[in-house]
Structures are given as structure tokens and as C-alpha cells.
Amino acid sequence: LFFPPYFSPQNSILSVKELCGLPPITSLKQCILTLVSRLVNNDSVPSVALCMKDNFPYLEPLGTLTDVQKKVLAAYDQMIQESKLLVETADTVYDKIIQCQKAGMELHEELHNLGTKEGLKGRKLSKAIESFAWNITVLKGQGDLLRNAKNEAIENMKQIQLACLSRGLSKSGSGNSDAKAKPGPEPAEKKETSGENARL
């Protein structure tokens, strides 16, 4: 089991950094501060405003944007959309992964008998059981990665919001009540798997 591309906003984050002329190792906060500095008009007034929707920091145009600014803003929107998708779907996918893992553990307990009935024995049977156990371990690892990715995405949204507010990108330009920092979506809680891995 591997994540589909939409479960990782990392590529879109890298695209934003690239458009801002920044190396991949640049922090997200510095990236957003640089991005905001690009989204200003000829009078150095911000050409976008921070608009919080379901605790996700969107940037809305305040007037006509240049082609370059439109490209930067489109990349930013893509990053937010991918992060939103990850945060909103991670728990459902994680639960399905855990269900598959538990089903696999139940089958693992009967695997020796099933293999024997199918004519497997000796080295072939042992190898089949080891391979099955390894796949269950990998499955749990994918679940852990997904949960961690969700928590990272939530933290990223908070950092982006704070960076935007520090540059005055609120609706009023001075941090109004709609744009003030609010708690983000709840981080994914660690779910117990009843010690299944210990039995592998």
C-alpha cells in the first residue's frame, strides 16, 4: 500500500518555493513571507487579503494581478487545496488501513493451517508467513505516515496563517477578528492497534 499523490502536498509546497526563487530547504514560514512580498501592487500595498475558511488560510485578490502574481497565487491555492484534502480525508483512510491490518492479523493466526491445506510446507510455508507478516508491518507503517502527514499539514496551515497576519494580510489590513489566529483542525490522535505488531 502506498499513498496516492494527493495525500502529499509536498510537491505543491516545493512548487511555491521554486516560484519564489527559494531552495527546497527554505522553511515554510520564510517561503510565505517571500510570497507575500511578491503579492503587492506598485504602491507596495498588498494585492491579496487573508481569508480563513474552515481554518484554512486562503488568499483572495484585492484587484488586478499581474500574470506572475496570478501564477504564484495559483500555486499557493493548489498547496492549500492539497493540504485541505489531506487533513479532511486522512482519518477515514487511516481507519480503513487499521481495519485491513486487524483483518490481516486475524488471517495471520490461521495462515499456517491455510498454507498447509494449499500444499505449502517447509521453507516455502515459512517464507509465505514471513512475507505476509512483513506486509502487515508495512501497512501499519503507511498508517503512521498518513497520520503524521496530517499533523504536519495542520501545523503548516497555522504557520502560514501567522506569517500572513504578520504582514498585515487581514481583511482590514490590521488583523481583524475574521483573520485572527484560530485553532486549526484537530491533529490525528494515535490509535491503539491492540499490540498486533508485537505478535508478528
N, C-alpha and C. Protein backbone atom coordinates (compact mmCIF):
# COMPACT_ATOMS: atom_id res chain seq x y z
N LEU A 1 0.85 -1.20 0.00
CA LEU A 1 0.00 0.00 0.00
C LEU A 1 0.88 1.24 0.00
N PHE A 2 0.63 2.16 -0.90
CA PHE A 2 1.37 3.41 -0.97
C PHE A 2 0.39 4.55 -1.13
N PHE A 3 0.79 5.74 -0.68
CA PHE A 3 -0.09 6.89 -0.77
C PHE A 3 -0.28 7.33 -2.20
N PRO A 4 -1.51 7.63 -2.58
CA PRO A 4 -1.72 8.31 -3.87
C PRO A 4 -1.08 9.68 -3.78
N PRO A 5 -0.73 10.30 -4.92
CA PRO A 5 -0.08 11.61 -4.90
C PRO A 5 -0.84 12.67 -4.13
N TYR A 6 -2.22 12.59 -4.12
CA TYR A 6 -2.96 13.66 -3.48
C TYR A 6 -2.83 13.64 -1.97
N PHE A 7 -2.21 12.59 -1.40
CA PHE A 7 -2.05 12.56 0.03
C PHE A 7 -0.80 13.30 0.49
N SER A 8 -0.06 13.86 -0.41
CA SER A 8 1.12 14.60 -0.02
C SER A 8 1.17 15.95 -0.71
N PRO A 9 1.05 17.05 0.08
CA PRO A 9 1.13 18.39 -0.50
C PRO A 9 2.57 18.85 -0.69
N GLN A 10 3.54 17.96 -0.47
CA GLN A 10 4.94 18.37 -0.53
C GLN A 10 5.34 18.91 -1.89
N ASN A 11 4.85 18.30 -2.96
CA ASN A 11 5.21 18.77 -4.30
C ASN A 11 4.70 20.18 -4.55
N SER A 12 3.48 20.47 -4.09
CA SER A 12 2.94 21.81 -4.28
C SER A 12 3.68 22.83 -3.43
N ILE A 13 4.15 22.41 -2.26
CA ILE A 13 4.96 23.32 -1.43
C ILE A 13 6.27 23.63 -2.13
N LEU A 14 6.87 22.62 -2.72
CA LEU A 14 8.12 22.83 -3.46
C LEU A 14 7.90 23.74 -4.66
N SER A 15 6.73 23.62 -5.30
CA SER A 15 6.42 24.48 -6.46
C SER A 15 6.34 25.94 -6.04
N VAL A 16 5.72 26.20 -4.87
CA VAL A 16 5.62 27.57 -4.36
C VAL A 16 7.01 28.12 -4.07
N LYS A 17 7.84 27.30 -3.44
CA LYS A 17 9.21 27.74 -3.14
C LYS A 17 9.97 28.06 -4.42
N GLU A 18 9.80 27.21 -5.42
CA GLU A 18 10.50 27.42 -6.69
C GLU A 18 10.06 28.71 -7.35
N LEU A 19 8.75 28.99 -7.33
CA LEU A 19 8.24 30.22 -7.94
C LEU A 19 8.72 31.46 -7.19
N CYS A 20 9.03 31.27 -5.91
CA CYS A 20 9.54 32.39 -5.11
C CYS A 20 11.07 32.49 -5.20
N GLY A 21 11.67 31.60 -6.00
CA GLY A 21 13.12 31.63 -6.16
C GLY A 21 13.88 31.15 -4.94
N LEU A 22 13.25 30.25 -4.16
CA LEU A 22 13.85 29.76 -2.92
C LEU A 22 14.26 28.30 -3.05
N PRO A 23 15.32 27.90 -2.35
CA PRO A 23 15.74 26.49 -2.38
C PRO A 23 14.76 25.62 -1.59
N PRO A 24 14.73 24.32 -1.86
CA PRO A 24 13.79 23.41 -1.19
C PRO A 24 13.92 23.39 0.33
N ILE A 25 15.12 23.67 0.84
CA ILE A 25 15.32 23.59 2.29
C ILE A 25 14.76 24.80 3.03
N THR A 26 14.29 25.81 2.30
CA THR A 26 13.73 27.00 2.94
C THR A 26 12.53 26.63 3.80
N SER A 27 12.43 27.22 4.98
CA SER A 27 11.28 26.95 5.85
C SER A 27 10.01 27.47 5.21
N LEU A 28 8.89 26.86 5.57
CA LEU A 28 7.61 27.28 5.01
C LEU A 28 7.29 28.72 5.41
N LYS A 29 7.63 29.09 6.63
CA LYS A 29 7.37 30.46 7.09
C LYS A 29 8.11 31.48 6.21
N GLN A 30 9.38 31.22 5.96
CA GLN A 30 10.16 32.14 5.13
C GLN A 30 9.62 32.16 3.71
N CYS A 31 9.17 31.02 3.24
CA CYS A 31 8.60 30.93 1.90
C CYS A 31 7.35 31.82 1.79
N ILE A 32 6.49 31.75 2.79
CA ILE A 32 5.26 32.54 2.76
C ILE A 32 5.56 34.03 2.88
N LEU A 33 6.53 34.39 3.71
CA LEU A 33 6.92 35.80 3.83
C LEU A 33 7.43 36.34 2.50
N THR A 34 8.18 35.49 1.80
CA THR A 34 8.69 35.90 0.48
C THR A 34 7.54 35.99 -0.52
N LEU A 35 6.63 35.01 -0.45
CA LEU A 35 5.49 35.01 -1.37
C LEU A 35 4.65 36.28 -1.19
N VAL A 36 4.40 36.63 0.05
CA VAL A 36 3.60 37.82 0.34
C VAL A 36 4.26 39.08 -0.21
N SER A 37 5.58 39.13 -0.13
CA SER A 37 6.30 40.30 -0.64
C SER A 37 6.17 40.43 -2.15
N ARG A 38 5.85 39.31 -2.82
CA ARG A 38 5.65 39.35 -4.27
C ARG A 38 4.23 39.78 -4.64
N LEU A 39 3.31 39.63 -3.69
CA LEU A 39 1.91 39.93 -3.97
C LEU A 39 1.55 41.33 -3.48
N VAL A 40 2.22 42.33 -4.03
CA VAL A 40 1.95 43.73 -3.71
C VAL A 40 1.79 44.50 -5.01
N ASN A 41 1.13 45.66 -4.93
CA ASN A 41 0.97 46.48 -6.13
C ASN A 41 2.11 47.48 -6.26
N ASN A 42 2.00 48.39 -7.19
CA ASN A 42 3.08 49.35 -7.44
C ASN A 42 3.33 50.29 -6.26
N ASP A 43 2.34 50.42 -5.38
CA ASP A 43 2.50 51.27 -4.20
C ASP A 43 2.92 50.48 -2.98
N SER A 44 3.36 49.24 -3.21
CA SER A 44 3.79 48.33 -2.14
C SER A 44 2.67 47.99 -1.17
N VAL A 45 1.42 48.08 -1.66
CA VAL A 45 0.26 47.70 -0.86
C VAL A 45 -0.12 46.27 -1.23
N PRO A 46 -0.39 45.42 -0.23
CA PRO A 46 -0.76 44.03 -0.53
C PRO A 46 -1.91 43.95 -1.53
N SER A 47 -1.76 43.08 -2.52
CA SER A 47 -2.79 42.90 -3.53
C SER A 47 -3.67 41.70 -3.24
N VAL A 48 -3.48 41.10 -2.07
CA VAL A 48 -4.31 39.97 -1.63
C VAL A 48 -4.67 40.16 -0.16
N ALA A 49 -5.71 39.46 0.27
CA ALA A 49 -6.12 39.50 1.68
C ALA A 49 -6.27 38.09 2.20
N LEU A 50 -5.92 37.90 3.45
CA LEU A 50 -6.08 36.60 4.09
C LEU A 50 -7.55 36.36 4.40
N CYS A 51 -8.05 35.21 4.00
CA CYS A 51 -9.45 34.85 4.25
C CYS A 51 -9.49 33.43 4.81
N MET A 52 -9.83 33.30 6.09
CA MET A 52 -9.87 31.98 6.72
C MET A 52 -11.18 31.29 6.41
N LYS A 53 -11.10 30.09 5.84
CA LYS A 53 -12.27 29.28 5.53
C LYS A 53 -12.05 27.90 6.13
N ASP A 54 -12.87 27.56 7.13
CA ASP A 54 -12.72 26.27 7.83
C ASP A 54 -11.31 26.10 8.36
N ASN A 55 -10.73 27.20 8.84
CA ASN A 55 -9.39 27.21 9.43
C ASN A 55 -8.28 26.98 8.41
N PHE A 56 -8.58 27.17 7.14
CA PHE A 56 -7.55 27.09 6.11
C PHE A 56 -7.31 28.50 5.55
N PRO A 57 -6.03 28.90 5.43
CA PRO A 57 -5.68 30.28 5.06
C PRO A 57 -5.66 30.53 3.55
N TYR A 58 -6.77 30.98 3.02
CA TYR A 58 -6.84 31.32 1.60
C TYR A 58 -6.43 32.77 1.40
N LEU A 59 -5.94 33.07 0.20
CA LEU A 59 -5.59 34.44 -0.16
C LEU A 59 -6.50 34.89 -1.29
N GLU A 60 -7.21 35.98 -1.07
CA GLU A 60 -8.14 36.50 -2.06
C GLU A 60 -7.58 37.75 -2.72
N PRO A 61 -7.65 37.84 -4.05
CA PRO A 61 -7.16 39.04 -4.76
C PRO A 61 -7.95 40.28 -4.37
N LEU A 62 -7.27 41.40 -4.29
CA LEU A 62 -7.93 42.67 -3.96
C LEU A 62 -8.01 43.59 -5.17
N GLY A 63 -7.64 43.08 -6.29
CA GLY A 63 -7.65 43.89 -7.50
C GLY A 63 -7.02 43.11 -8.63
N THR A 64 -6.54 43.83 -9.62
CA THR A 64 -5.91 43.19 -10.77
C THR A 64 -4.51 42.69 -10.40
N LEU A 65 -4.22 41.47 -10.77
CA LEU A 65 -2.91 40.87 -10.52
C LEU A 65 -2.14 40.75 -11.84
N THR A 66 -0.83 40.81 -11.74
CA THR A 66 -0.01 40.58 -12.92
C THR A 66 -0.02 39.08 -13.22
N ASP A 67 0.45 38.72 -14.39
CA ASP A 67 0.49 37.30 -14.77
C ASP A 67 1.38 36.50 -13.80
N VAL A 68 2.48 37.11 -13.41
CA VAL A 68 3.39 36.43 -12.47
C VAL A 68 2.71 36.23 -11.13
N GLN A 69 2.02 37.26 -10.65
CA GLN A 69 1.31 37.16 -9.38
C GLN A 69 0.21 36.12 -9.44
N LYS A 70 -0.49 36.04 -10.58
CA LYS A 70 -1.53 35.03 -10.75
C LYS A 70 -0.94 33.63 -10.66
N LYS A 71 0.22 33.45 -11.24
CA LYS A 71 0.87 32.14 -11.22
C LYS A 71 1.27 31.75 -9.80
N VAL A 72 1.82 32.72 -9.07
CA VAL A 72 2.22 32.48 -7.69
C VAL A 72 1.00 32.16 -6.83
N LEU A 73 -0.07 32.93 -7.01
CA LEU A 73 -1.28 32.72 -6.22
C LEU A 73 -1.93 31.38 -6.55
N ALA A 74 -1.89 30.98 -7.83
CA ALA A 74 -2.45 29.68 -8.23
C ALA A 74 -1.69 28.54 -7.57
N ALA A 75 -0.36 28.67 -7.49
CA ALA A 75 0.46 27.64 -6.83
C ALA A 75 0.15 27.58 -5.33
N TYR A 76 -0.06 28.74 -4.74
CA TYR A 76 -0.41 28.81 -3.31
C TYR A 76 -1.77 28.13 -3.08
N ASP A 77 -2.75 28.44 -3.93
CA ASP A 77 -4.07 27.84 -3.80
C ASP A 77 -4.00 26.32 -3.93
N GLN A 78 -3.17 25.84 -4.85
CA GLN A 78 -3.01 24.41 -5.03
C GLN A 78 -2.45 23.76 -3.76
N MET A 79 -1.49 24.43 -3.13
CA MET A 79 -0.90 23.93 -1.89
C MET A 79 -1.96 23.84 -0.78
N ILE A 80 -2.79 24.87 -0.67
CA ILE A 80 -3.83 24.87 0.36
C ILE A 80 -4.87 23.79 0.08
N GLN A 81 -5.28 23.64 -1.17
CA GLN A 81 -6.28 22.63 -1.52
C GLN A 81 -5.78 21.22 -1.23
N GLU A 82 -4.53 20.95 -1.55
CA GLU A 82 -3.97 19.62 -1.30
C GLU A 82 -3.85 19.36 0.19
N SER A 83 -3.47 20.38 0.94
CA SER A 83 -3.37 20.23 2.40
C SER A 83 -4.75 20.00 2.99
N LYS A 84 -5.75 20.70 2.50
CA LYS A 84 -7.12 20.55 2.98
C LYS A 84 -7.63 19.14 2.71
N LEU A 85 -7.36 18.63 1.51
CA LEU A 85 -7.79 17.28 1.16
C LEU A 85 -7.14 16.25 2.09
N LEU A 86 -5.86 16.44 2.35
CA LEU A 86 -5.15 15.53 3.25
C LEU A 86 -5.76 15.55 4.64
N VAL A 87 -5.95 16.73 5.19
CA VAL A 87 -6.48 16.86 6.55
C VAL A 87 -7.89 16.27 6.66
N GLU A 88 -8.72 16.50 5.65
CA GLU A 88 -10.13 16.09 5.72
C GLU A 88 -10.35 14.61 5.43
N THR A 89 -9.42 13.96 4.76
CA THR A 89 -9.63 12.55 4.39
C THR A 89 -8.73 11.59 5.16
N ALA A 90 -7.72 12.11 5.85
CA ALA A 90 -6.72 11.25 6.49
C ALA A 90 -7.33 10.29 7.50
N ASP A 91 -8.26 10.78 8.34
CA ASP A 91 -8.82 9.92 9.39
C ASP A 91 -9.59 8.74 8.80
N THR A 92 -10.37 9.00 7.76
CA THR A 92 -11.14 7.93 7.13
C THR A 92 -10.23 6.87 6.53
N VAL A 93 -9.19 7.33 5.83
CA VAL A 93 -8.25 6.39 5.21
C VAL A 93 -7.48 5.63 6.28
N TYR A 94 -7.09 6.35 7.35
CA TYR A 94 -6.35 5.70 8.44
C TYR A 94 -7.19 4.59 9.07
N ASP A 95 -8.47 4.87 9.30
CA ASP A 95 -9.34 3.84 9.89
C ASP A 95 -9.43 2.61 8.99
N LYS A 96 -9.49 2.82 7.68
CA LYS A 96 -9.55 1.70 6.75
C LYS A 96 -8.24 0.90 6.77
N ILE A 97 -7.13 1.61 6.90
CA ILE A 97 -5.83 0.93 6.98
C ILE A 97 -5.78 0.05 8.23
N ILE A 98 -6.25 0.58 9.36
CA ILE A 98 -6.23 -0.18 10.60
C ILE A 98 -7.16 -1.39 10.51
N GLN A 99 -8.30 -1.22 9.86
CA GLN A 99 -9.22 -2.34 9.67
C GLN A 99 -8.56 -3.45 8.86
N CYS A 100 -7.85 -3.03 7.81
CA CYS A 100 -7.14 -4.02 6.98
C CYS A 100 -6.04 -4.71 7.78
N GLN A 101 -5.36 -3.95 8.62
CA GLN A 101 -4.30 -4.53 9.43
C GLN A 101 -4.85 -5.56 10.41
N LYS A 102 -5.96 -5.22 11.05
CA LYS A 102 -6.57 -6.15 12.01
C LYS A 102 -7.06 -7.41 11.32
N ALA A 103 -7.65 -7.23 10.13
CA ALA A 103 -8.11 -8.40 9.37
C ALA A 103 -6.91 -9.26 8.98
N GLY A 104 -5.83 -8.60 8.63
CA GLY A 104 -4.62 -9.34 8.28
C GLY A 104 -4.05 -10.11 9.46
N MET A 105 -4.11 -9.51 10.66
CA MET A 105 -3.61 -10.19 11.85
C MET A 105 -4.45 -11.42 12.17
N GLU A 106 -5.76 -11.29 11.98
CA GLU A 106 -6.64 -12.44 12.22
C GLU A 106 -6.32 -13.57 11.24
N LEU A 107 -6.08 -13.20 9.99
CA LEU A 107 -5.74 -14.20 8.99
C LEU A 107 -4.36 -14.79 9.25
N HIS A 108 -3.45 -13.96 9.78
CA HIS A 108 -2.09 -14.42 10.05
C HIS A 108 -2.08 -15.58 11.04
N GLU A 109 -3.00 -15.54 12.01
CA GLU A 109 -3.07 -16.60 13.01
C GLU A 109 -3.48 -17.94 12.39
N GLU A 110 -4.17 -17.87 11.26
CA GLU A 110 -4.61 -19.11 10.60
C GLU A 110 -3.78 -19.45 9.37
N LEU A 111 -2.75 -18.61 9.13
CA LEU A 111 -2.01 -18.74 7.88
C LEU A 111 -1.28 -20.08 7.77
N HIS A 112 -0.76 -20.58 8.87
CA HIS A 112 -0.02 -21.84 8.82
C HIS A 112 -0.93 -22.98 8.36
N ASN A 113 -2.12 -23.04 8.94
CA ASN A 113 -3.07 -24.10 8.55
C ASN A 113 -3.53 -23.92 7.11
N LEU A 114 -3.79 -22.67 6.72
CA LEU A 114 -4.22 -22.41 5.35
C LEU A 114 -3.14 -22.80 4.35
N GLY A 115 -1.90 -22.47 4.67
CA GLY A 115 -0.79 -22.82 3.79
C GLY A 115 -0.60 -24.31 3.66
N THR A 116 -0.77 -25.01 4.77
CA THR A 116 -0.64 -26.46 4.76
C THR A 116 -1.71 -27.10 3.88
N LYS A 117 -2.93 -26.57 3.98
CA LYS A 117 -4.03 -27.09 3.17
C LYS A 117 -3.78 -26.88 1.68
N GLU A 118 -3.04 -25.78 1.36
CA GLU A 118 -2.74 -25.47 -0.03
C GLU A 118 -1.49 -26.20 -0.54
N GLY A 119 -0.91 -27.04 0.33
CA GLY A 119 0.23 -27.84 -0.09
C GLY A 119 1.59 -27.20 0.19
N LEU A 120 1.62 -26.09 0.89
CA LEU A 120 2.89 -25.46 1.23
C LEU A 120 3.47 -26.13 2.47
N LYS A 121 4.79 -26.27 2.47
CA LYS A 121 5.44 -26.85 3.65
C LYS A 121 6.90 -26.45 3.67
N GLY A 122 7.50 -26.64 4.82
CA GLY A 122 8.91 -26.33 4.97
C GLY A 122 9.25 -24.88 4.68
N ARG A 123 10.30 -24.70 3.89
CA ARG A 123 10.82 -23.36 3.60
C ARG A 123 9.78 -22.48 2.88
N LYS A 124 9.04 -23.05 1.95
CA LYS A 124 8.05 -22.28 1.22
C LYS A 124 6.96 -21.74 2.15
N LEU A 125 6.53 -22.57 3.10
CA LEU A 125 5.50 -22.14 4.04
C LEU A 125 6.02 -21.03 4.95
N SER A 126 7.24 -21.23 5.45
CA SER A 126 7.84 -20.22 6.33
C SER A 126 8.03 -18.89 5.61
N LYS A 127 8.46 -18.97 4.36
CA LYS A 127 8.67 -17.74 3.59
C LYS A 127 7.35 -17.01 3.34
N ALA A 128 6.28 -17.78 3.08
CA ALA A 128 4.97 -17.17 2.85
C ALA A 128 4.47 -16.46 4.10
N ILE A 129 4.67 -17.10 5.26
CA ILE A 129 4.23 -16.50 6.52
C ILE A 129 5.03 -15.24 6.83
N GLU A 130 6.35 -15.28 6.59
CA GLU A 130 7.20 -14.11 6.84
C GLU A 130 6.82 -12.94 5.92
N SER A 131 6.54 -13.27 4.67
CA SER A 131 6.17 -12.24 3.71
C SER A 131 4.85 -11.59 4.10
N PHE A 132 3.91 -12.40 4.56
CA PHE A 132 2.61 -11.88 4.98
C PHE A 132 2.76 -10.96 6.19
N ALA A 133 3.59 -11.39 7.16
CA ALA A 133 3.82 -10.59 8.36
C ALA A 133 4.47 -9.26 8.00
N TRP A 134 5.41 -9.29 7.06
CA TRP A 134 6.09 -8.07 6.64
C TRP A 134 5.10 -7.10 5.99
N ASN A 135 4.21 -7.61 5.18
CA ASN A 135 3.23 -6.75 4.52
C ASN A 135 2.30 -6.07 5.53
N ILE A 136 1.96 -6.78 6.61
CA ILE A 136 1.13 -6.18 7.65
C ILE A 136 1.89 -5.06 8.36
N THR A 137 3.19 -5.28 8.59
CA THR A 137 4.02 -4.25 9.22
C THR A 137 4.10 -3.01 8.34
N VAL A 138 4.28 -3.22 7.04
CA VAL A 138 4.33 -2.11 6.09
C VAL A 138 3.00 -1.36 6.08
N LEU A 139 1.91 -2.10 6.19
CA LEU A 139 0.59 -1.49 6.20
C LEU A 139 0.45 -0.54 7.38
N LYS A 140 0.87 -0.98 8.56
CA LYS A 140 0.80 -0.11 9.73
C LYS A 140 1.71 1.11 9.55
N GLY A 141 2.86 0.88 8.94
CA GLY A 141 3.78 2.00 8.71
C GLY A 141 3.16 3.07 7.83
N GLN A 142 2.40 2.64 6.83
CA GLN A 142 1.72 3.59 5.96
C GLN A 142 0.68 4.39 6.74
N GLY A 143 -0.01 3.72 7.66
CA GLY A 143 -0.98 4.42 8.50
C GLY A 143 -0.32 5.47 9.38
N ASP A 144 0.83 5.13 9.95
CA ASP A 144 1.57 6.08 10.79
C ASP A 144 2.04 7.28 9.98
N LEU A 145 2.52 7.02 8.76
CA LEU A 145 2.98 8.11 7.89
C LEU A 145 1.82 9.05 7.54
N LEU A 146 0.66 8.47 7.29
CA LEU A 146 -0.51 9.27 6.95
C LEU A 146 -0.92 10.15 8.12
N ARG A 147 -0.93 9.59 9.30
CA ARG A 147 -1.31 10.36 10.49
C ARG A 147 -0.30 11.49 10.73
N ASN A 148 0.97 11.20 10.58
CA ASN A 148 2.00 12.23 10.76
C ASN A 148 1.88 13.32 9.70
N ALA A 149 1.55 12.91 8.46
CA ALA A 149 1.40 13.88 7.37
C ALA A 149 0.24 14.82 7.66
N LYS A 150 -0.84 14.29 8.22
CA LYS A 150 -1.99 15.14 8.57
C LYS A 150 -1.59 16.17 9.62
N ASN A 151 -0.91 15.72 10.67
CA ASN A 151 -0.49 16.64 11.73
C ASN A 151 0.45 17.71 11.21
N GLU A 152 1.33 17.32 10.29
CA GLU A 152 2.26 18.29 9.70
C GLU A 152 1.51 19.31 8.86
N ALA A 153 0.50 18.85 8.13
CA ALA A 153 -0.29 19.76 7.30
C ALA A 153 -1.05 20.77 8.16
N ILE A 154 -1.58 20.31 9.29
CA ILE A 154 -2.29 21.21 10.21
C ILE A 154 -1.34 22.26 10.76
N GLU A 155 -0.15 21.84 11.14
CA GLU A 155 0.84 22.80 11.65
C GLU A 155 1.26 23.78 10.57
N ASN A 156 1.40 23.29 9.34
CA ASN A 156 1.75 24.17 8.22
C ASN A 156 0.70 25.26 8.02
N MET A 157 -0.58 24.89 8.13
CA MET A 157 -1.64 25.87 7.95
C MET A 157 -1.58 26.96 9.02
N LYS A 158 -1.24 26.56 10.25
CA LYS A 158 -1.11 27.54 11.33
C LYS A 158 0.06 28.49 11.06
N GLN A 159 1.19 27.92 10.61
CA GLN A 159 2.36 28.74 10.32
C GLN A 159 2.09 29.72 9.18
N ILE A 160 1.38 29.26 8.16
CA ILE A 160 1.04 30.13 7.03
C ILE A 160 0.15 31.27 7.49
N GLN A 161 -0.84 30.94 8.30
CA GLN A 161 -1.76 31.97 8.80
C GLN A 161 -1.00 33.03 9.60
N LEU A 162 -0.14 32.59 10.50
CA LEU A 162 0.62 33.54 11.33
C LEU A 162 1.55 34.40 10.48
N ALA A 163 2.17 33.78 9.47
CA ALA A 163 3.07 34.54 8.59
C ALA A 163 2.30 35.61 7.82
N CYS A 164 1.10 35.25 7.34
CA CYS A 164 0.28 36.22 6.61
C CYS A 164 -0.16 37.36 7.51
N LEU A 165 -0.57 37.01 8.72
CA LEU A 165 -1.01 38.05 9.67
C LEU A 165 0.13 38.98 10.04
N SER A 166 1.35 38.43 10.11
CA SER A 166 2.49 39.27 10.47
C SER A 166 2.78 40.32 9.40
N ARG A 167 2.30 40.08 8.18
CA ARG A 167 2.46 41.04 7.09
C ARG A 167 1.18 41.85 6.84
N GLY A 168 0.23 41.74 7.76
CA GLY A 168 -0.98 42.57 7.66
C GLY A 168 -1.96 42.14 6.60
N LEU A 169 -1.97 40.87 6.24
CA LEU A 169 -2.86 40.42 5.17
C LEU A 169 -4.24 40.01 5.69
N SER A 170 -4.81 40.78 6.59
CA SER A 170 -6.16 40.50 7.04
C SER A 170 -7.13 41.31 6.20
N LYS A 171 -8.42 41.06 6.36
CA LYS A 171 -9.43 41.76 5.57
C LYS A 171 -9.32 43.27 5.74
N SER A 172 -9.01 43.70 6.98
CA SER A 172 -8.92 45.13 7.24
C SER A 172 -7.51 45.65 7.08
N GLY A 173 -6.57 44.70 6.89
CA GLY A 173 -5.17 45.10 6.76
C GLY A 173 -4.47 45.23 8.10
N SER A 174 -5.19 44.94 9.20
CA SER A 174 -4.56 45.08 10.51
C SER A 174 -4.95 43.95 11.45
N GLY A 175 -5.36 42.82 10.87
CA GLY A 175 -5.66 41.65 11.71
C GLY A 175 -7.02 41.69 12.34
N ASN A 176 -8.08 41.70 11.54
CA ASN A 176 -9.42 41.77 12.10
C ASN A 176 -9.84 40.45 12.70
N SER A 177 -11.05 40.43 13.28
CA SER A 177 -11.48 39.25 14.03
C SER A 177 -11.63 38.03 13.15
N ASP A 178 -11.96 38.20 11.86
CA ASP A 178 -12.13 37.05 10.98
C ASP A 178 -10.82 36.37 10.68
N ALA A 179 -9.73 37.13 10.72
CA ALA A 179 -8.46 36.57 10.29
C ALA A 179 -7.53 36.26 11.45
N LYS A 180 -7.93 36.59 12.69
CA LYS A 180 -7.05 36.31 13.81
C LYS A 180 -6.83 34.81 13.95
N ALA A 181 -5.68 34.49 14.51
CA ALA A 181 -5.30 33.08 14.61
C ALA A 181 -6.36 32.29 15.38
N LYS A 182 -6.80 31.20 14.80
CA LYS A 182 -7.76 30.31 15.42
C LYS A 182 -7.14 28.93 15.47
N PRO A 183 -7.64 28.09 16.39
CA PRO A 183 -7.12 26.73 16.42
C PRO A 183 -7.39 26.05 15.09
N GLY A 184 -6.43 25.29 14.60
CA GLY A 184 -6.61 24.57 13.35
C GLY A 184 -7.41 23.30 13.58
N PRO A 185 -7.57 22.49 12.55
CA PRO A 185 -8.25 21.20 12.71
C PRO A 185 -7.52 20.36 13.74
N GLU A 186 -8.23 19.47 14.39
CA GLU A 186 -7.62 18.65 15.42
C GLU A 186 -6.58 17.71 14.82
N PRO A 187 -5.38 17.64 15.45
CA PRO A 187 -4.38 16.69 14.98
C PRO A 187 -4.89 15.26 15.12
N ALA A 188 -4.36 14.38 14.29
CA ALA A 188 -4.77 12.98 14.35
C ALA A 188 -4.26 12.38 15.64
N GLU A 189 -5.14 11.73 16.38
CA GLU A 189 -4.73 11.09 17.62
C GLU A 189 -4.20 9.71 17.32
N LYS A 190 -3.26 9.31 18.15
CA LYS A 190 -2.67 7.99 17.98
C LYS A 190 -3.67 6.93 18.40
N LYS A 191 -3.97 6.02 17.49
CA LYS A 191 -4.95 4.98 17.79
C LYS A 191 -4.23 3.69 18.13
N GLU A 192 -4.80 3.00 19.11
CA GLU A 192 -4.20 1.74 19.54
C GLU A 192 -4.50 0.64 18.53
N THR A 193 -3.56 -0.22 18.34
CA THR A 193 -3.77 -1.38 17.45
C THR A 193 -3.69 -2.68 18.23
N SER A 194 -3.90 -2.55 19.58
CA SER A 194 -4.04 -3.72 20.48
C SER A 194 -2.82 -4.63 20.43
N GLY A 195 -1.67 -4.05 20.17
CA GLY A 195 -0.45 -4.82 20.23
C GLY A 195 -0.30 -5.87 19.15
N GLU A 196 -0.97 -5.68 18.03
CA GLU A 196 -0.90 -6.69 16.97
C GLU A 196 0.54 -6.87 16.49
N ASN A 197 1.29 -5.76 16.39
CA ASN A 197 2.62 -5.87 15.84
C ASN A 197 3.54 -6.70 16.72
N ALA A 198 3.25 -6.70 18.02
CA ALA A 198 4.10 -7.46 18.91
C ALA A 198 3.99 -8.95 18.64
N ARG A 199 2.86 -9.35 18.03
CA ARG A 199 2.69 -10.77 17.78
C ARG A 199 3.27 -11.20 16.45
N LEU A 200 3.73 -10.23 15.62
CA LEU A 200 4.28 -10.62 14.32
C LEU A 200 5.65 -11.25 14.48
